[in-house]
Each structure stands twice: as C-alpha cells, then as structure tokens.
C-alpha atoms as a PDB file:
ATOM      1  CA  MET A   1      13.435 154.234 116.246  1.00  0.00           C
ATOM      2  CA  HIS A   2      10.865 155.331 114.456  1.00  0.00           C
ATOM      3  CA  PHE A   3       7.923 153.130 112.601  1.00  0.00           C
ATOM      4  CA  VAL A   4       6.728 153.326 108.791  1.00  0.00           C
ATOM      5  CA  ASP A   5       4.944 152.041 105.971  1.00  0.00           C
ATOM      6  CA  ALA A   6       7.476 150.531 103.747  1.00  0.00           C
ATOM      7  CA  LYS A   7       5.945 150.399  99.944  1.00  0.00           C
ATOM      8  CA  GLY A   8       7.949 147.680  99.082  1.00  0.00           C
ATOM      9  CA  ILE A   9      10.195 145.123 100.694  1.00  0.00           C
ATOM     10  CA  LEU A  10      12.567 142.624  97.720  1.00  0.00           C
ATOM     11  CA  SER A  11      14.313 144.615  95.420  1.00  0.00           C
ATOM     12  CA  THR A  12      15.477 141.953  92.753  1.00  0.00           C
ATOM     13  CA  SER A  13      19.796 143.363  91.217  1.00  0.00           C
ATOM     14  CA  GLY A  14      21.715 140.544  89.198  1.00  0.00           C
ATOM     15  CA  GLY A  15      19.357 137.464  89.169  1.00  0.00           C
ATOM     16  CA  ARG A  16      19.307 138.323  93.473  1.00  0.00           C
ATOM     17  CA  CYS A  17      16.369 139.235  95.476  1.00  0.00           C
ATOM     18  CA  GLY A  18      17.358 141.531  98.686  1.00  0.00           C
ATOM     19  CA  MET A  19      15.489 142.942 101.458  1.00  0.00           C
ATOM     20  CA  ASN A  20      16.448 145.725 104.301  1.00  0.00           C
ATOM     21  CA  ILE A  21      14.401 145.372 107.329  1.00  0.00           C
ATOM     22  CA  TYR A  22      16.159 148.265 108.986  1.00  0.00           C
ATOM     23  CA  ARG A  23      17.445 151.340 107.642  1.00  0.00           C
ATOM     24  CA  GLY A  24      20.151 153.133 109.879  1.00  0.00           C
ATOM     25  CA  CYS A  25      22.398 151.167 111.891  1.00  0.00           C
ATOM     26  CA  THR A  26      23.209 151.113 115.880  1.00  0.00           C
ATOM     27  CA  HIS A  27      26.448 149.456 115.786  1.00  0.00           C
ATOM     28  CA  GLY A  28      28.744 152.413 115.773  1.00  0.00           C
ATOM     29  CA  CYS A  29      31.131 151.100 112.829  1.00  0.00           C
ATOM     30  CA  ILE A  30      33.487 153.838 112.283  1.00  0.00           C
ATOM     31  CA  TYR A  31      33.852 153.080 108.312  1.00  0.00           C
ATOM     32  CA  CYS A  32      30.522 152.351 107.828  1.00  0.00           C
ATOM     33  CA  ASP A  33      29.397 153.277 103.637  1.00  0.00           C
ATOM     34  CA  SER A  34      26.039 153.676 104.521  1.00  0.00           C
ATOM     35  CA  ARG A  35      26.346 156.778 106.252  1.00  0.00           C
ATOM     36  CA  SER A  36      26.836 158.389 102.907  1.00  0.00           C
ATOM     37  CA  LYS A  37      24.703 160.830 101.439  1.00  0.00           C
ATOM     38  CA  CYS A  38      24.191 158.747  98.250  1.00  0.00           C
ATOM     39  CA  TYR A  39      21.322 156.450 100.345  1.00  0.00           C
ATOM     40  CA  GLN A  40      19.489 160.494 100.833  1.00  0.00           C
ATOM     41  CA  PHE A  41      18.776 159.142 104.622  1.00  0.00           C
ATOM     42  CA  THR A  42      15.921 161.955 105.720  1.00  0.00           C
ATOM     43  CA  HIS A  43      16.502 161.113 109.708  1.00  0.00           C
ATOM     44  CA  GLU A  44      19.840 160.580 112.099  1.00  0.00           C
ATOM     45  CA  PHE A  45      21.441 157.386 111.368  1.00  0.00           C
ATOM     46  CA  GLU A  46      21.129 155.894 115.064  1.00  0.00           C
ATOM     47  CA  ASP A  47      17.536 156.509 114.277  1.00  0.00           C
ATOM     48  CA  ILE A  48      16.424 153.193 112.890  1.00  0.00           C
ATOM     49  CA  GLU A  49      13.768 153.457 110.790  1.00  0.00           C
ATOM     50  CA  VAL A  50      11.408 150.638 111.246  1.00  0.00           C
ATOM     51  CA  LYS A  51       9.468 148.692 107.940  1.00  0.00           C
ATOM     52  CA  GLN A  52       7.004 147.509 110.562  1.00  0.00           C
ATOM     53  CA  ASN A  53       5.080 145.957 107.577  1.00  0.00           C
ATOM     54  CA  ALA A  54       8.151 144.057 105.818  1.00  0.00           C
ATOM     55  CA  PRO A  55       7.043 140.686 107.029  1.00  0.00           C
ATOM     56  CA  GLU A  56       3.423 141.100 105.297  1.00  0.00           C
ATOM     57  CA  LEU A  57       5.085 142.343 102.467  1.00  0.00           C
ATOM     58  CA  LEU A  58       8.112 140.071 101.959  1.00  0.00           C
ATOM     59  CA  GLU A  59       5.015 137.104 102.313  1.00  0.00           C
ATOM     60  CA  LYS A  60       3.070 138.549  99.476  1.00  0.00           C
ATOM     61  CA  ALA A  61       6.019 139.246  97.312  1.00  0.00           C
ATOM     62  CA  LEU A  62       7.123 135.196  98.330  1.00  0.00           C
ATOM     63  CA  LYS A  63       3.407 134.136  97.299  1.00  0.00           C
ATOM     64  CA  SER A  64       3.677 134.931  93.458  1.00  0.00           C
ATOM     65  CA  LYS A  65       6.807 134.751  93.157  1.00  0.00           C
ATOM     66  CA  ARG A  66       6.855 131.298  90.682  1.00  0.00           C
ATOM     67  CA  LYS A  67      10.339 130.309  91.034  1.00  0.00           C
ATOM     68  CA  LYS A  68      12.171 129.835  94.761  1.00  0.00           C
ATOM     69  CA  VAL A  69      15.463 131.952  94.908  1.00  0.00           C
ATOM     70  CA  MET A  70      17.912 133.116  97.714  1.00  0.00           C
ATOM     71  CA  ILE A  71      16.734 136.272  99.866  1.00  0.00           C
ATOM     72  CA  GLY A  72      19.833 138.095 100.635  1.00  0.00           C
ATOM     73  CA  THR A  73      19.138 140.505 103.538  1.00  0.00           C
ATOM     74  CA  GLY A  74      21.781 142.530 105.950  1.00  0.00           C
ATOM     75  CA  ALA A  75      23.825 144.547 102.712  1.00  0.00           C
ATOM     76  CA  MET A  76      23.036 148.100 103.932  1.00  0.00           C
ATOM     77  CA  SER A  77      21.381 147.701 107.543  1.00  0.00           C
ATOM     78  CA  ASP A  78      22.281 144.674 109.740  1.00  0.00           C
ATOM     79  CA  PRO A  79      19.322 142.611 110.642  1.00  0.00           C
ATOM     80  CA  TYR A  80      20.767 141.938 114.313  1.00  0.00           C
ATOM     81  CA  MET A  81      21.038 145.652 115.431  1.00  0.00           C
ATOM     82  CA  HIS A  82      20.037 146.161 119.338  1.00  0.00           C
ATOM     83  CA  CYS A  83      16.212 146.573 118.251  1.00  0.00           C
ATOM     84  CA  GLU A  84      16.148 143.070 116.880  1.00  0.00           C
ATOM     85  CA  GLU A  85      16.001 141.956 120.639  1.00  0.00           C
ATOM     86  CA  GLN A  86      12.543 143.465 121.052  1.00  0.00           C
ATOM     87  CA  LEU A  87      10.489 143.660 117.590  1.00  0.00           C
ATOM     88  CA  ARG A  88      12.307 140.853 116.431  1.00  0.00           C
ATOM     89  CA  MET A  89      11.274 141.516 112.910  1.00  0.00           C
ATOM     90  CA  THR A  90      14.306 139.486 110.955  1.00  0.00           C
ATOM     91  CA  ARG A  91      12.655 136.722 112.885  1.00  0.00           C
ATOM     92  CA  LYS A  92       9.346 137.147 111.264  1.00  0.00           C
ATOM     93  CA  CYS A  93      11.227 137.422 108.060  1.00  0.00           C
ATOM     94  CA  LEU A  94      13.089 134.588 107.963  1.00  0.00           C
ATOM     95  CA  GLU A  95       9.912 131.962 109.316  1.00  0.00           C
ATOM     96  CA  ILE A  96       8.400 133.396 105.805  1.00  0.00           C
ATOM     97  CA  ILE A  97      10.811 132.648 104.303  1.00  0.00           C
ATOM     98  CA  LYS A  98      11.151 128.988 105.368  1.00  0.00           C
ATOM     99  CA  ARG A  99       7.290 128.153 105.107  1.00  0.00           C
ATOM    100  CA  TYR A 100       7.062 129.464 101.800  1.00  0.00           C
ATOM    101  CA  GLY A 101      10.907 127.498 101.115  1.00  0.00           C
ATOM    102  CA  PHE A 102      13.058 129.798  99.857  1.00  0.00           C
ATOM    103  CA  GLY A 103      16.801 130.130 100.648  1.00  0.00           C
ATOM    104  CA  LEU A 104      18.685 132.924 103.039  1.00  0.00           C
ATOM    105  CA  ALA A 105      21.717 135.166 102.466  1.00  0.00           C
ATOM    106  CA  ILE A 106      21.834 137.014 105.686  1.00  0.00           C
ATOM    107  CA  GLN A 107      25.218 139.322 106.488  1.00  0.00           C
ATOM    108  CA  THR A 108      25.699 140.245 110.152  1.00  0.00           C
ATOM    109  CA  LYS A 109      28.027 141.616 112.798  1.00  0.00           C
ATOM    110  CA  SER A 110      26.420 140.534 115.749  1.00  0.00           C
ATOM    111  CA  ASP A 111      25.789 136.980 117.689  1.00  0.00           C
ATOM    112  CA  ARG A 112      22.229 137.993 117.958  1.00  0.00           C
ATOM    113  CA  ILE A 113      21.902 135.922 114.564  1.00  0.00           C
ATOM    114  CA  LEU A 114      22.450 132.477 117.032  1.00  0.00           C
ATOM    115  CA  GLN A 115      18.795 133.062 118.804  1.00  0.00           C
ATOM    116  CA  ASP A 116      17.444 132.369 115.356  1.00  0.00           C
ATOM    117  CA  ILE A 117      20.207 129.441 114.716  1.00  0.00           C
ATOM    118  CA  ASP A 118      17.049 127.022 114.838  1.00  0.00           C
ATOM    119  CA  LEU A 119      15.168 128.617 111.737  1.00  0.00           C
ATOM    120  CA  LEU A 120      18.907 129.128 109.887  1.00  0.00           C
ATOM    121  CA  GLU A 121      19.245 125.212 110.384  1.00  0.00           C
ATOM    122  CA  GLU A 122      15.884 124.600 109.182  1.00  0.00           C
ATOM    123  CA  ILE A 123      15.785 127.190 105.889  1.00  0.00           C
ATOM    124  CA  ASN A 124      19.351 125.170 105.371  1.00  0.00           C
ATOM    125  CA  HIS A 125      17.783 121.915 105.646  1.00  0.00           C
ATOM    126  CA  GLU A 126      14.865 122.516 103.345  1.00  0.00           C
ATOM    127  CA  ALA A 127      15.773 125.160 101.299  1.00  0.00           C
ATOM    128  CA  LYS A 128      19.763 126.927 101.522  1.00  0.00           C
ATOM    129  CA  CYS A 129      21.269 128.995 104.524  1.00  0.00           C
ATOM    130  CA  VAL A 130      24.472 131.183 104.050  1.00  0.00           C
ATOM    131  CA  VAL A 131      25.724 133.030 106.916  1.00  0.00           C
ATOM    132  CA  GLN A 132      27.944 135.685 106.527  1.00  0.00           C
ATOM    133  CA  MET A 133      30.418 137.440 108.940  1.00  0.00           C
ATOM    134  CA  THR A 134      32.288 140.837 108.731  1.00  0.00           C
ATOM    135  CA  LEU A 135      35.544 140.162 110.850  1.00  0.00           C
ATOM    136  CA  THR A 136      37.443 143.803 109.965  1.00  0.00           C
ATOM    137  CA  THR A 137      40.491 142.648 113.057  1.00  0.00           C
ATOM    138  CA  TYR A 138      41.839 140.484 115.595  1.00  0.00           C
ATOM    139  CA  ASP A 139      42.556 142.969 118.253  1.00  0.00           C
ATOM    140  CA  ASP A 140      39.991 143.217 120.850  1.00  0.00           C
ATOM    141  CA  ASP A 141      41.354 146.654 121.383  1.00  0.00           C
ATOM    142  CA  LEU A 142      41.160 147.425 118.096  1.00  0.00           C
ATOM    143  CA  CYS A 143      37.391 145.920 117.458  1.00  0.00           C
ATOM    144  CA  LYS A 144      36.081 147.736 120.330  1.00  0.00           C
ATOM    145  CA  ILE A 145      37.298 151.183 118.645  1.00  0.00           C
ATOM    146  CA  LEU A 146      36.541 150.626 114.687  1.00  0.00           C
ATOM    147  CA  GLU A 147      32.845 148.717 115.763  1.00  0.00           C
ATOM    148  CA  PRO A 148      32.323 149.618 119.074  1.00  0.00           C
ATOM    149  CA  ASN A 149      28.456 148.852 119.658  1.00  0.00           C
ATOM    150  CA  VAL A 150      28.569 144.954 118.918  1.00  0.00           C
ATOM    151  CA  CYS A 151      30.621 142.105 119.384  1.00  0.00           C
ATOM    152  CA  ASN A 152      34.009 141.282 119.093  1.00  0.00           C
ATOM    153  CA  THR A 153      35.639 139.546 116.281  1.00  0.00           C
ATOM    154  CA  LYS A 154      36.492 136.323 118.488  1.00  0.00           C
ATOM    155  CA  ARG A 155      32.491 136.182 119.389  1.00  0.00           C
ATOM    156  CA  ARG A 156      32.110 136.403 115.784  1.00  0.00           C
ATOM    157  CA  ILE A 157      34.073 133.504 115.236  1.00  0.00           C
ATOM    158  CA  GLU A 158      32.531 131.599 118.002  1.00  0.00           C
ATOM    159  CA  VAL A 159      29.123 132.282 116.170  1.00  0.00           C
ATOM    160  CA  LEU A 160      30.971 130.868 112.874  1.00  0.00           C
ATOM    161  CA  GLU A 161      31.923 128.187 114.912  1.00  0.00           C
ATOM    162  CA  GLU A 162      28.414 127.426 116.072  1.00  0.00           C
ATOM    163  CA  MET A 163      27.049 127.211 112.152  1.00  0.00           C
ATOM    164  CA  GLN A 164      29.363 125.348 111.143  1.00  0.00           C
ATOM    165  CA  LYS A 165      27.910 121.875 113.793  1.00  0.00           C
ATOM    166  CA  ARG A 166      25.148 123.113 112.250  1.00  0.00           C
ATOM    167  CA  GLY A 167      25.916 122.685 108.923  1.00  0.00           C
ATOM    168  CA  ILE A 168      25.824 126.249 107.784  1.00  0.00           C
ATOM    169  CA  PRO A 169      27.884 127.278 105.338  1.00  0.00           C
ATOM    170  CA  THR A 170      29.485 130.292 105.904  1.00  0.00           C
ATOM    171  CA  ILE A 171      31.255 133.810 104.116  1.00  0.00           C
ATOM    172  CA  VAL A 172      33.596 136.037 106.109  1.00  0.00           C
ATOM    173  CA  TRP A 173      34.094 139.926 104.407  1.00  0.00           C
ATOM    174  CA  VAL A 174      37.873 140.868 105.648  1.00  0.00           C
ATOM    175  CA  THR A 175      36.681 144.240 104.409  1.00  0.00           C
ATOM    176  CA  PRO A 176      37.660 147.059 104.877  1.00  0.00           C
ATOM    177  CA  MET A 177      41.239 146.916 105.892  1.00  0.00           C
ATOM    178  CA  LEU A 178      41.910 150.872 106.500  1.00  0.00           C
ATOM    179  CA  PRO A 179      45.241 151.589 105.880  1.00  0.00           C
ATOM    180  CA  PHE A 180      47.832 152.670 108.418  1.00  0.00           C
ATOM    181  CA  ILE A 181      45.400 150.925 110.856  1.00  0.00           C
ATOM    182  CA  ASN A 182      44.796 147.103 110.882  1.00  0.00           C
ATOM    183  CA  ASP A 183      45.899 146.565 107.277  1.00  0.00           C
ATOM    184  CA  THR A 184      48.680 144.028 108.120  1.00  0.00           C
ATOM    185  CA  GLU A 185      50.026 140.596 107.056  1.00  0.00           C
ATOM    186  CA  GLU A 186      49.961 139.654 111.241  1.00  0.00           C
ATOM    187  CA  ASN A 187      46.162 140.757 110.678  1.00  0.00           C
ATOM    188  CA  LEU A 188      44.789 139.251 108.356  1.00  0.00           C
ATOM    189  CA  THR A 189      47.139 136.479 108.862  1.00  0.00           C
ATOM    190  CA  ALA A 190      45.209 135.627 112.361  1.00  0.00           C
ATOM    191  CA  ILE A 191      41.431 135.999 110.549  1.00  0.00           C
ATOM    192  CA  LEU A 192      42.131 133.389 107.535  1.00  0.00           C
ATOM    193  CA  ASP A 193      43.843 130.908 110.207  1.00  0.00           C
ATOM    194  CA  GLU A 194      40.180 131.183 112.393  1.00  0.00           C
ATOM    195  CA  CYS A 195      38.317 131.609 109.387  1.00  0.00           C
ATOM    196  CA  GLY A 196      40.030 127.957 108.027  1.00  0.00           C
ATOM    197  CA  ARG A 197      40.019 126.456 111.768  1.00  0.00           C
ATOM    198  CA  VAL A 198      36.345 126.890 111.421  1.00  0.00           C
ATOM    199  CA  GLY A 199      35.493 125.591 108.265  1.00  0.00           C
ATOM    200  CA  VAL A 200      34.427 128.553 106.361  1.00  0.00           C
ATOM    201  CA  ARG A 201      33.080 128.462 102.563  1.00  0.00           C
ATOM    202  CA  GLY A 202      34.703 132.239 101.164  1.00  0.00           C
ATOM    203  CA  ILE A 203      36.631 135.284 102.300  1.00  0.00           C
ATOM    204  CA  ILE A 204      34.841 138.492 100.467  1.00  0.00           C
ATOM    205  CA  ASP A 205      37.465 141.601  99.609  1.00  0.00           C
ATOM    206  CA  PHE A 206      37.707 144.310  97.695  1.00  0.00           C
ATOM    207  CA  GLY A 207      41.157 144.983  97.153  1.00  0.00           C
ATOM    208  CA  MET A 208      42.002 145.364 100.534  1.00  0.00           C
ATOM    209  CA  GLY A 209      41.196 149.325 101.263  1.00  0.00           C
ATOM    210  CA  LEU A 210      38.147 151.843 102.106  1.00  0.00           C
ATOM    211  CA  THR A 211      36.454 153.415 100.516  1.00  0.00           C
ATOM    212  CA  LEU A 212      34.965 156.857 101.171  1.00  0.00           C
ATOM    213  CA  ARG A 213      32.073 158.911 100.263  1.00  0.00           C
ATOM    214  CA  GLU A 214      30.807 161.979 100.929  1.00  0.00           C
ATOM    215  CA  GLY A 215      29.018 161.660 104.522  1.00  0.00           C
ATOM    216  CA  ASP A 216      30.918 158.546 105.600  1.00  0.00           C
ATOM    217  CA  ARG A 217      34.121 160.694 104.985  1.00  0.00           C
ATOM    218  CA  GLU A 218      33.632 163.332 107.593  1.00  0.00           C
ATOM    219  CA  TYR A 219      31.831 160.527 110.326  1.00  0.00           C
ATOM    220  CA  TYR A 220      35.745 158.553 109.721  1.00  0.00           C
ATOM    221  CA  TYR A 221      37.876 161.823 109.899  1.00  0.00           C
ATOM    222  CA  GLU A 222      36.280 162.227 112.988  1.00  0.00           C
ATOM    223  CA  ALA A 223      36.728 159.352 114.705  1.00  0.00           C
ATOM    224  CA  LEU A 224      40.558 159.511 113.506  1.00  0.00           C
ATOM    225  CA  ASP A 225      41.489 162.798 114.886  1.00  0.00           C
ATOM    226  CA  LYS A 226      39.478 160.980 118.558  1.00  0.00           C
ATOM    227  CA  HIS A 227      41.076 158.014 118.398  1.00  0.00           C
ATOM    228  CA  PHE A 228      44.464 157.950 116.435  1.00  0.00           C
ATOM    229  CA  PRO A 229      45.167 162.019 116.369  1.00  0.00           C
ATOM    230  CA  GLY A 230      47.176 163.242 113.061  1.00  0.00           C
ATOM    231  CA  LEU A 231      46.279 159.789 111.146  1.00  0.00           C
ATOM    232  CA  LYS A 232      43.754 162.244 109.201  1.00  0.00           C
ATOM    233  CA  GLU A 233      46.309 164.393 108.009  1.00  0.00           C
ATOM    234  CA  ARG A 234      48.377 161.258 106.506  1.00  0.00           C
ATOM    235  CA  TYR A 235      45.186 160.265 104.877  1.00  0.00           C
ATOM    236  CA  ILE A 236      44.585 163.696 103.000  1.00  0.00           C
ATOM    237  CA  GLU A 237      48.070 163.685 101.836  1.00  0.00           C
ATOM    238  CA  THR A 238      48.351 159.734 100.743  1.00  0.00           C
ATOM    239  CA  TYR A 239      44.937 160.344  99.095  1.00  0.00           C
ATOM    240  CA  GLY A 240      43.312 163.548  98.574  1.00  0.00           C
ATOM    241  CA  ASN A 241      39.422 163.101  98.132  1.00  0.00           C
ATOM    242  CA  ALA A 242      39.992 159.885  96.404  1.00  0.00           C
ATOM    243  CA  TYR A 243      36.320 157.314  96.281  1.00  0.00           C
ATOM    244  CA  GLU A 244      39.385 154.515  96.701  1.00  0.00           C
ATOM    245  CA  LEU A 245      41.771 154.261  99.267  1.00  0.00           C
ATOM    246  CA  PRO A 246      44.081 150.869  98.634  1.00  0.00           C
ATOM    247  CA  SER A 247      46.109 150.203 101.376  1.00  0.00           C
ATOM    248  CA  PRO A 248      49.861 150.229 100.501  1.00  0.00           C
ATOM    249  CA  ASN A 249      50.398 146.455 101.864  1.00  0.00           C
ATOM    250  CA  GLN A 250      47.532 145.666  99.220  1.00  0.00           C
ATOM    251  CA  LYS A 251      50.080 143.465  97.160  1.00  0.00           C
ATOM    252  CA  GLU A 252      51.435 141.463 100.290  1.00  0.00           C
ATOM    253  CA  LEU A 253      47.833 141.065 101.728  1.00  0.00           C
ATOM    254  CA  LEU A 254      46.558 139.531  98.734  1.00  0.00           C
ATOM    255  CA  GLU A 255      49.270 137.204  98.207  1.00  0.00           C
ATOM    256  CA  VAL A 256      47.959 136.476 101.888  1.00  0.00           C
ATOM    257  CA  LEU A 257      44.578 135.973 101.484  1.00  0.00           C
ATOM    258  CA  LYS A 258      45.295 133.836  97.806  1.00  0.00           C
ATOM    259  CA  GLN A 259      47.981 131.612  99.828  1.00  0.00           C
ATOM    260  CA  LYS A 260      45.284 131.046 102.828  1.00  0.00           C
ATOM    261  CA  CYS A 261      42.805 130.760 100.874  1.00  0.00           C
ATOM    262  CA  GLY A 262      44.064 127.862  98.550  1.00  0.00           C
ATOM    263  CA  GLU A 263      45.758 126.543 102.035  1.00  0.00           C
ATOM    264  CA  TYR A 264      41.866 126.054 103.499  1.00  0.00           C
ATOM    265  CA  ASN A 265      40.023 125.251 100.244  1.00  0.00           C
ATOM    266  CA  MET A 266      38.465 128.283 100.710  1.00  0.00           C
ATOM    267  CA  PHE A 267      36.432 130.675  97.717  1.00  0.00           C
ATOM    268  CA  SER A 268      38.783 133.966  97.196  1.00  0.00           C
ATOM    269  CA  THR A 269      37.235 135.906  95.244  1.00  0.00           C
ATOM    270  CA  PRO A 270      34.137 138.304  95.548  1.00  0.00           C
ATOM    271  CA  ASP A 271      32.493 136.709  92.270  1.00  0.00           C
ATOM    272  CA  GLU A 272      32.926 133.223  93.592  1.00  0.00           C
ATOM    273  CA  CYS A 273      31.196 134.169  97.111  1.00  0.00           C
ATOM    274  CA  PHE A 274      28.360 135.993  95.032  1.00  0.00           C
ATOM    275  CA  ARG A 275      27.897 133.121  92.324  1.00  0.00           C
ATOM    276  CA  PHE A 276      27.447 130.409  96.118  1.00  0.00           C
ATOM    277  CA  MET A 277      25.134 132.502  97.823  1.00  0.00           C
ATOM    278  CA  SER A 278      22.522 133.286  94.672  1.00  0.00           C
ATOM    279  CA  GLU A 279      22.319 129.626  93.393  1.00  0.00           C
ATOM    280  CA  PHE A 280      19.442 128.165  94.914  1.00  0.00           C
ATOM    281  CA  PRO A 281      20.230 124.200  95.164  1.00  0.00           C
ATOM    282  CA  GLU A 282      18.639 121.313  92.855  1.00  0.00           C
ATOM    283  CA  ARG A 283      18.203 119.615  96.178  1.00  0.00           C
ATOM    284  CA  TYR A 284      15.502 121.029  97.529  1.00  0.00           C
ATOM    285  CA  LYS A 285      12.606 119.485  99.231  1.00  0.00           C
ATOM    286  CA  GLN A 286       9.444 118.984  97.337  1.00  0.00           C
ATOM    287  CA  MET A 287       6.935 116.243  98.157  1.00  0.00           C
ATOM    288  CA  SER A 288       7.654 113.034  96.079  1.00  0.00           C
ATOM    289  CA  LEU A 289       5.727 109.093  96.524  1.00  0.00           C
ATOM    290  CA  PHE A 290       8.612 108.321  99.019  1.00  0.00           C
ATOM    291  CA  ASP A 291       7.450 111.245 101.373  1.00  0.00           C
ATOM    292  CA  LEU A 292       3.752 110.071 101.320  1.00  0.00           C
END
C-alpha cells in the first residue's frame, strides 16, 4: 500500500459521475479486467494506491456542483478492500456525499459494506443509494478459487438481504460467466432465484462470457494452469487471442436470465440497470414550509 495526492477525484461519462478512491485490489479474482495493461498501472496490482486527498477533492467538487447527481464508485477498484478496515477512506467520502445531498451507486464484492449500512440508509432516505454486488458462482468451493480473498456468494446474498431490510435498492452483476467453469444453467438459476428472493431490482450481464486483454489474460491463464489443468489449452483452441469469449452455453443462459428476471420482476438489461442507477430522484428532500 502506498499513498498519493490525486489531482482530481470525479470523472464524468454519459451524464454519470464516478470516482475511484483506490487503485489496484487485494481480492485476487482470477478474471479481473482491471489488471489489463491498458489501465497503465505503474505499480504491482496488489500494492494498493491510496488517494489520500480523495475526501478533500470530493468535498471541493461537490461544493461547486449546482445540480445533484448520482456518484458512482467501485467500477475499477473495490471500495471495501482489506485496507478500508483501517483507512476508512470510503466512509469519509460517503459522509461527504450525504452532507451535500448527492446520491450514491456503489459496487463491491465485500461484506465490509455492512460497516457503513447506517450511512447508506441515510443517503437513500435523503436522496438515493443503490448497492451493487457481483455474484458469479453459487458453489462455495469454486468461489474460493475464482475470488479467493473476499467473502463468498452466500455471504454476499446475506448482504443483499440486509440492504432489502433497510429499503436500499440493489443491483447484481452476474458477470463474468467463465466458459467451461461456472457457465451452467444450474449455477445461474441458483443465483437468480436468490436474487429474486431478496428483492434485487435488476441484473447486469454482458452476453454471458468473459473478456480478456493483455495483462488480464496472462494472469487468468496462470490461474487456469494452477486450478484447472488443461483448460488453458481448450481456451486457446476455442477462442485464440480474442477479446470477447462468449460461453458455449450463451443462448441457454440468456434464456434463463430473461425468464427469471420476468418471474421476479427484475430489470434484465444493462441499459435498464444503468438508467435506474443514474437517475437522481425528484423526491430529493429540500426544506419546505412544512418542515419549519
């Protein structure tokens, strides 16, 4: 872990504001796209870069914003990695988001988010908060291989259930579906049934498969050699050096997704989910005569 002073904290794309408090990750997911060389890491991926001035930068940015919007975090680096236990940088930023009345769309794989459920509930009450979880495999033993340094899927589902109890809306990413590993109808059905049970609002998937780029590919293939001997050769034979690696079961999995989302009244496309997460509510609470 090392500390830097960042020049800025908020980025804007497609009308959404995003921030990353950390760079790198210690969760060890074997398929992580953020390892790709295109992101130009100048340090080891597990040597977390901490933007130590993130709270100050965020406060300055939100002070100057005339329009309330949703602030997203967690797309590149999980805001609840191991270092958050001692640094509490994410919590400091959430407190600022709450103070200035902005909304939040936060993405994680970790149950450490429960440490901040009080703040998340307050943000959702005063503006809007959406919690996003990634669920890739229902099998605990397989989860330990794919995502070794973070809580398993069963625990993440418990987190989603706690969010439901507090009235905090949730979105689930069921990506990636790794060809020949977790891309089965049985696995996806089990995950979606649990999502339906705990009231998830929508499911994000990008075609039931995996993407691999330089940097990410090499790390993934090393993991395949270690945990699934011979599977790397099958990947190379099937996909060559392609960026997009759709599951051979893609058609069947997409049908399961469509059916289950219809059954549980969940959003079933990325566009629907992103639209929901980016919409700042008209019900934003401002002082009125009735509050005086």
